[in-house]
Amino acid sequence: LNNTNITQKIAGEIIAKNKTEPVTVCKMLER
């Protein structure tokens, strides 16, 4: 999308399918 405002609305549409708050799981393996 070229229009910034519209971009954020479409991004919100896609992201809204997931949880509102971020979920981050970082793991440290041997390698």
All heavy atoms as atom14 arrays in JSON, in Angstrom:
{
  "sequence": "LNNTNITQKIAGEIIAKNKTEPVTVCKMLER",
  "atom14_mask": [
    [1, 1, 1, 1, 1, 1, 1, 1, 0, 0, 0, 0, 0, 0],
    [1, 1, 1, 1, 1, 1, 1, 1, 0, 0, 0, 0, 0, 0],
    [1, 1, 1, 1, 1, 1, 1, 1, 0, 0, 0, 0, 0, 0],
    [1, 1, 1, 1, 1, 1, 1, 0, 0, 0, 0, 0, 0, 0],
    [1, 1, 1, 1, 1, 1, 1, 1, 0, 0, 0, 0, 0, 0],
    [1, 1, 1, 1, 1, 1, 1, 1, 0, 0, 0, 0, 0, 0],
    [1, 1, 1, 1, 1, 1, 1, 0, 0, 0, 0, 0, 0, 0],
    [1, 1, 1, 1, 1, 1, 1, 1, 1, 0, 0, 0, 0, 0],
    [1, 1, 1, 1, 1, 1, 1, 1, 1, 0, 0, 0, 0, 0],
    [1, 1, 1, 1, 1, 1, 1, 1, 0, 0, 0, 0, 0, 0],
    [1, 1, 1, 1, 1, 0, 0, 0, 0, 0, 0, 0, 0, 0],
    [1, 1, 1, 1, 0, 0, 0, 0, 0, 0, 0, 0, 0, 0],
    [1, 1, 1, 1, 1, 1, 1, 1, 1, 0, 0, 0, 0, 0],
    [1, 1, 1, 1, 1, 1, 1, 1, 0, 0, 0, 0, 0, 0],
    [1, 1, 1, 1, 1, 1, 1, 1, 0, 0, 0, 0, 0, 0],
    [1, 1, 1, 1, 1, 0, 0, 0, 0, 0, 0, 0, 0, 0],
    [1, 1, 1, 1, 1, 1, 1, 1, 1, 0, 0, 0, 0, 0],
    [1, 1, 1, 1, 1, 1, 1, 1, 0, 0, 0, 0, 0, 0],
    [1, 1, 1, 1, 1, 1, 1, 1, 1, 0, 0, 0, 0, 0],
    [1, 1, 1, 1, 1, 1, 1, 0, 0, 0, 0, 0, 0, 0],
    [1, 1, 1, 1, 1, 1, 1, 1, 1, 0, 0, 0, 0, 0],
    [1, 1, 1, 1, 1, 1, 1, 0, 0, 0, 0, 0, 0, 0],
    [1, 1, 1, 1, 1, 1, 1, 0, 0, 0, 0, 0, 0, 0],
    [1, 1, 1, 1, 1, 1, 1, 0, 0, 0, 0, 0, 0, 0],
    [1, 1, 1, 1, 1, 1, 1, 0, 0, 0, 0, 0, 0, 0],
    [1, 1, 1, 1, 1, 1, 0, 0, 0, 0, 0, 0, 0, 0],
    [1, 1, 1, 1, 1, 1, 1, 1, 1, 0, 0, 0, 0, 0],
    [1, 1, 1, 1, 1, 1, 1, 1, 0, 0, 0, 0, 0, 0],
    [1, 1, 1, 1, 1, 1, 1, 1, 0, 0, 0, 0, 0, 0],
    [1, 1, 1, 1, 1, 1, 1, 1, 1, 0, 0, 0, 0, 0],
    [1, 1, 1, 1, 1, 1, 1, 1, 1, 1, 1, 0, 0, 0]
  ],
  "atom14_positions": [
    [[0.83, -1.19, 0.0], [0.0, 0.0, 0.0], [0.87, 1.24, 0.0], [1.88, 1.31, 0.69], [-0.92, -0.02, 1.23], [-1.9, -1.2, 1.27], [-2.41, -1.39, 2.68], [-3.05, -0.96, 0.33], [0.0, 0.0, 0.0], [0.0, 0.0, 0.0], [0.0, 0.0, 0.0], [0.0, 0.0, 0.0], [0.0, 0.0, 0.0], [0.0, 0.0, 0.0]],
    [[0.44, 2.26, -0.75], [1.21, 3.48, -0.86], [0.74, 4.56, 0.12], [1.51, 5.37, 0.57], [1.12, 4.05, -2.28], [1.8, 3.13, -3.28], [2.74, 2.43, -2.93], [1.33, 3.13, -4.51], [0.0, 0.0, 0.0], [0.0, 0.0, 0.0], [0.0, 0.0, 0.0], [0.0, 0.0, 0.0], [0.0, 0.0, 0.0], [0.0, 0.0, 0.0]],
    [[-0.55, 4.57, 0.43], [-1.1, 5.56, 1.33], [-0.87, 5.12, 2.77], [-1.32, 4.05, 3.19], [-2.6, 5.73, 1.05], [-3.2, 6.84, 1.91], [-3.29, 6.7, 3.12], [-3.61, 7.92, 1.26], [0.0, 0.0, 0.0], [0.0, 0.0, 0.0], [0.0, 0.0, 0.0], [0.0, 0.0, 0.0], [0.0, 0.0, 0.0], [0.0, 0.0, 0.0]],
    [[-0.16, 5.92, 3.56], [0.23, 5.49, 4.91], [-0.95, 5.2, 5.8], [-0.98, 4.19, 6.5], [1.11, 6.59, 5.56], [2.22, 6.84, 4.71], [1.6, 6.12, 6.93], [0.0, 0.0, 0.0], [0.0, 0.0, 0.0], [0.0, 0.0, 0.0], [0.0, 0.0, 0.0], [0.0, 0.0, 0.0], [0.0, 0.0, 0.0], [0.0, 0.0, 0.0]],
    [[-1.95, 6.07, 5.81], [-3.1, 5.87, 6.69], [-3.84, 4.58, 6.36], [-4.23, 3.81, 7.24], [-4.06, 7.05, 6.59], [-3.43, 8.32, 7.14], [-2.6, 8.26, 8.04], [-3.83, 9.47, 6.6], [0.0, 0.0, 0.0], [0.0, 0.0, 0.0], [0.0, 0.0, 0.0], [0.0, 0.0, 0.0], [0.0, 0.0, 0.0], [0.0, 0.0, 0.0]],
    [[-4.03, 4.35, 5.06], [-4.73, 3.13, 4.64], [-3.9, 1.91, 4.99], [-4.42, 0.88, 5.41], [-5.01, 3.17, 3.14], [-5.89, 4.38, 2.8], [-5.69, 1.9, 2.67], [-6.04, 4.63, 1.33], [0.0, 0.0, 0.0], [0.0, 0.0, 0.0], [0.0, 0.0, 0.0], [0.0, 0.0, 0.0], [0.0, 0.0, 0.0], [0.0, 0.0, 0.0]],
    [[-2.57, 2.03, 4.84], [-1.69, 0.91, 5.18], [-1.9, 0.47, 6.61], [-2.01, -0.72, 6.9], [-0.21, 1.32, 4.99], [-0.03, 1.79, 3.68], [0.7, 0.15, 5.26], [0.0, 0.0, 0.0], [0.0, 0.0, 0.0], [0.0, 0.0, 0.0], [0.0, 0.0, 0.0], [0.0, 0.0, 0.0], [0.0, 0.0, 0.0], [0.0, 0.0, 0.0]],
    [[-1.94, 1.41, 7.52], [-2.09, 1.06, 8.93], [-3.43, 0.4, 9.19], [-3.55, -0.5, 10.02], [-1.93, 2.31, 9.8], [-0.63, 3.07, 9.57], [0.57, 2.14, 9.45], [0.8, 1.33, 10.33], [1.32, 2.26, 8.36], [0.0, 0.0, 0.0], [0.0, 0.0, 0.0], [0.0, 0.0, 0.0], [0.0, 0.0, 0.0], [0.0, 0.0, 0.0]],
    [[-4.48, 0.82, 8.48], [-5.8, 0.2, 8.67], [-5.8, -1.24, 8.2], [-6.33, -2.14, 8.85], [-6.87, 1.0, 7.92], [-7.1, 2.38, 8.52], [-8.14, 3.16, 7.71], [-8.34, 4.55, 8.31], [-9.32, 5.34, 7.53], [0.0, 0.0, 0.0], [0.0, 0.0, 0.0], [0.0, 0.0, 0.0], [0.0, 0.0, 0.0], [0.0, 0.0, 0.0]],
    [[-5.2, -1.47, 7.02], [-5.13, -2.84, 6.52], [-4.25, -3.69, 7.42], [-4.56, -4.84, 7.72], [-4.59, -2.87, 5.07], [-5.53, -2.07, 4.15], [-4.46, -4.3, 4.58], [-6.92, -2.64, 4.08], [0.0, 0.0, 0.0], [0.0, 0.0, 0.0], [0.0, 0.0, 0.0], [0.0, 0.0, 0.0], [0.0, 0.0, 0.0], [0.0, 0.0, 0.0]],
    [[-3.12, -3.14, 7.87], [-2.25, -3.88, 8.79], [-3.02, -4.25, 10.05], [-2.91, -5.36, 10.56], [-1.04, -3.03, 9.15], [0.0, 0.0, 0.0], [0.0, 0.0, 0.0], [0.0, 0.0, 0.0], [0.0, 0.0, 0.0], [0.0, 0.0, 0.0], [0.0, 0.0, 0.0], [0.0, 0.0, 0.0], [0.0, 0.0, 0.0], [0.0, 0.0, 0.0]],
    [[-3.8, -3.3, 10.55], [-4.61, -3.58, 11.73], [-5.61, -4.69, 11.5], [-5.87, -5.51, 12.38], [0.0, 0.0, 0.0], [0.0, 0.0, 0.0], [0.0, 0.0, 0.0], [0.0, 0.0, 0.0], [0.0, 0.0, 0.0], [0.0, 0.0, 0.0], [0.0, 0.0, 0.0], [0.0, 0.0, 0.0], [0.0, 0.0, 0.0], [0.0, 0.0, 0.0]],
    [[-6.19, -4.72, 10.29], [-7.15, -5.77, 9.96], [-6.5, -7.15, 10.06], [-7.07, -8.09, 10.61], [-7.68, -5.58, 8.53], [-8.74, -4.51, 8.42], [-10.03, -4.98, 9.05], [-10.46, -6.11, 8.78], [-10.6, -4.22, 9.85], [0.0, 0.0, 0.0], [0.0, 0.0, 0.0], [0.0, 0.0, 0.0], [0.0, 0.0, 0.0], [0.0, 0.0, 0.0]],
    [[-5.29, -7.28, 9.51], [-4.6, -8.58, 9.52], [-4.14, -8.93, 10.92], [-4.32, -10.05, 11.39], [-3.4, -8.54, 8.55], [-3.92, -8.39, 7.1], [-2.55, -9.79, 8.68], [-2.83, -8.23, 6.08], [0.0, 0.0, 0.0], [0.0, 0.0, 0.0], [0.0, 0.0, 0.0], [0.0, 0.0, 0.0], [0.0, 0.0, 0.0], [0.0, 0.0, 0.0]],
    [[-3.55, -7.97, 11.62], [-3.0, -8.25, 12.94], [-4.11, -8.5, 13.95], [-3.93, -9.22, 14.93], [-2.09, -7.08, 13.38], [-0.85, -7.03, 12.48], [-1.67, -7.2, 14.83], [-0.02, -5.81, 12.62], [0.0, 0.0, 0.0], [0.0, 0.0, 0.0], [0.0, 0.0, 0.0], [0.0, 0.0, 0.0], [0.0, 0.0, 0.0], [0.0, 0.0, 0.0]],
    [[-5.29, -7.92, 13.72], [-6.4, -8.07, 14.66], [-6.85, -9.52, 14.81], [-7.51, -9.86, 15.78], [-7.58, -7.21, 14.21], [0.0, 0.0, 0.0], [0.0, 0.0, 0.0], [0.0, 0.0, 0.0], [0.0, 0.0, 0.0], [0.0, 0.0, 0.0], [0.0, 0.0, 0.0], [0.0, 0.0, 0.0], [0.0, 0.0, 0.0], [0.0, 0.0, 0.0]],
    [[-6.49, -10.38, 13.85], [-6.86, -11.78, 13.95], [-6.13, -12.46, 15.11], [-6.54, -13.52, 15.56], [-6.54, -12.52, 12.64], [-7.35, -12.04, 11.46], [-7.06, -12.86, 10.23], [-5.65, -12.7, 9.75], [-5.37, -13.44, 8.52], [0.0, 0.0, 0.0], [0.0, 0.0, 0.0], [0.0, 0.0, 0.0], [0.0, 0.0, 0.0], [0.0, 0.0, 0.0]],
    [[-5.04, -11.85, 15.55], [-4.25, -12.45, 16.62], [-4.52, -11.75, 17.95], [-5.36, -10.86, 18.04], [-2.76, -12.37, 16.27], [-2.44, -13.18, 15.05], [-2.17, -14.36, 15.14], [-2.48, -12.55, 13.87], [0.0, 0.0, 0.0], [0.0, 0.0, 0.0], [0.0, 0.0, 0.0], [0.0, 0.0, 0.0], [0.0, 0.0, 0.0], [0.0, 0.0, 0.0]],
    [[-3.8, -12.16, 18.97], [-4.0, -11.59, 20.28], [-3.66, -10.1, 20.28], [-2.75, -9.66, 19.6], [-3.13, -12.32, 21.31], [-3.55, -13.77, 21.51], [-2.69, -14.42, 22.58], [-3.13, -15.86, 22.81], [-2.32, -16.52, 23.85], [0.0, 0.0, 0.0], [0.0, 0.0, 0.0], [0.0, 0.0, 0.0], [0.0, 0.0, 0.0], [0.0, 0.0, 0.0]],
    [[-4.38, -9.34, 21.08], [-4.16, -7.91, 21.16], [-2.78, -7.6, 21.71], [-2.06, -6.76, 21.21], [-5.23, -7.26, 22.04], [-6.52, -7.59, 21.53], [-5.07, -5.75, 22.07], [0.0, 0.0, 0.0], [0.0, 0.0, 0.0], [0.0, 0.0, 0.0], [0.0, 0.0, 0.0], [0.0, 0.0, 0.0], [0.0, 0.0, 0.0], [0.0, 0.0, 0.0]],
    [[-2.41, -8.29, 22.78], [-1.13, -8.04, 23.4], [-0.06, -8.96, 22.79], [-0.35, -10.07, 22.39], [-1.22, -8.29, 24.91], [-2.32, -7.51, 25.6], [-2.2, -6.0, 25.41], [-1.22, -5.54, 24.82], [-3.11, -5.3, 25.85], [0.0, 0.0, 0.0], [0.0, 0.0, 0.0], [0.0, 0.0, 0.0], [0.0, 0.0, 0.0], [0.0, 0.0, 0.0]],
    [[1.19, -8.49, 22.75], [2.25, -9.3, 22.15], [2.57, -10.54, 22.98], [2.47, -10.52, 24.2], [3.44, -8.34, 22.1], [3.18, -7.36, 23.18], [1.69, -7.19, 23.22], [0.0, 0.0, 0.0], [0.0, 0.0, 0.0], [0.0, 0.0, 0.0], [0.0, 0.0, 0.0], [0.0, 0.0, 0.0], [0.0, 0.0, 0.0], [0.0, 0.0, 0.0]],
    [[2.92, -11.59, 22.29], [3.38, -12.82, 22.94], [4.77, -13.12, 22.38], [4.92, -13.35, 21.19], [2.42, -13.99, 22.68], [2.98, -15.26, 23.31], [1.04, -13.69, 23.21], [0.0, 0.0, 0.0], [0.0, 0.0, 0.0], [0.0, 0.0, 0.0], [0.0, 0.0, 0.0], [0.0, 0.0, 0.0], [0.0, 0.0, 0.0], [0.0, 0.0, 0.0]],
    [[5.77, -13.09, 23.24], [7.14, -13.32, 22.82], [7.76, -14.44, 23.65], [7.78, -14.36, 24.88], [7.99, -12.04, 22.98], [7.37, -10.97, 22.27], [9.4, -12.26, 22.44], [0.0, 0.0, 0.0], [0.0, 0.0, 0.0], [0.0, 0.0, 0.0], [0.0, 0.0, 0.0], [0.0, 0.0, 0.0], [0.0, 0.0, 0.0], [0.0, 0.0, 0.0]],
    [[8.23, -15.47, 22.97], [8.91, -16.58, 23.65], [10.29, -16.71, 23.03], [10.43, -17.1, 21.87], [8.12, -17.89, 23.51], [8.89, -19.03, 24.19], [6.73, -17.76, 24.1], [0.0, 0.0, 0.0], [0.0, 0.0, 0.0], [0.0, 0.0, 0.0], [0.0, 0.0, 0.0], [0.0, 0.0, 0.0], [0.0, 0.0, 0.0], [0.0, 0.0, 0.0]],
    [[11.31, -16.37, 23.79], [12.69, -16.48, 23.32], [13.37, -17.64, 24.04], [13.29, -17.75, 25.27], [13.46, -15.19, 23.58], [12.88, -13.79, 22.57], [0.0, 0.0, 0.0], [0.0, 0.0, 0.0], [0.0, 0.0, 0.0], [0.0, 0.0, 0.0], [0.0, 0.0, 0.0], [0.0, 0.0, 0.0], [0.0, 0.0, 0.0], [0.0, 0.0, 0.0]],
    [[14.01, -18.51, 23.27], [14.66, -19.69, 23.85], [16.13, -19.72, 23.46], [16.49, -19.36, 22.34], [13.96, -20.96, 23.37], [12.53, -21.09, 23.86], [11.92, -22.43, 23.44], [10.49, -22.56, 23.95], [9.89, -23.86, 23.57], [0.0, 0.0, 0.0], [0.0, 0.0, 0.0], [0.0, 0.0, 0.0], [0.0, 0.0, 0.0], [0.0, 0.0, 0.0]],
    [[16.94, -20.18, 24.38], [18.38, -20.31, 24.14], [18.74, -21.8, 24.18], [18.72, -22.42, 25.24], [19.17, -19.54, 25.2], [18.96, -18.04, 25.12], [19.88, -17.14, 26.41], [18.91, -17.59, 27.85], [0.0, 0.0, 0.0], [0.0, 0.0, 0.0], [0.0, 0.0, 0.0], [0.0, 0.0, 0.0], [0.0, 0.0, 0.0], [0.0, 0.0, 0.0]],
    [[19.02, -22.36, 23.0], [19.42, -23.75, 22.9], [20.95, -23.84, 22.86], [21.64, -22.82, 22.82], [18.8, -24.38, 21.66], [17.28, -24.28, 21.53], [16.82, -24.94, 20.24], [16.58, -24.9, 22.73], [0.0, 0.0, 0.0], [0.0, 0.0, 0.0], [0.0, 0.0, 0.0], [0.0, 0.0, 0.0], [0.0, 0.0, 0.0], [0.0, 0.0, 0.0]],
    [[21.45, -25.05, 22.84], [22.91, -25.22, 22.83], [23.56, -24.61, 21.6], [24.64, -24.04, 21.66], [23.26, -26.71, 22.9], [23.12, -27.33, 24.27], [23.7, -28.73, 24.31], [23.03, -29.66, 23.8], [24.81, -28.91, 24.83], [0.0, 0.0, 0.0], [0.0, 0.0, 0.0], [0.0, 0.0, 0.0], [0.0, 0.0, 0.0], [0.0, 0.0, 0.0]],
    [[22.89, -24.74, 20.46], [23.49, -24.3, 19.2], [22.76, -23.13, 18.54], [23.2, -22.63, 17.52], [23.54, -25.47, 18.22], [24.71, -26.41, 18.4], [26.04, -25.69, 18.34], [27.12, -26.5, 17.8], [28.37, -26.11, 17.71], [28.72, -24.92, 18.12], [29.29, -26.91, 17.2], [0.0, 0.0, 0.0], [0.0, 0.0, 0.0], [0.0, 0.0, 0.0]]
  ]
}
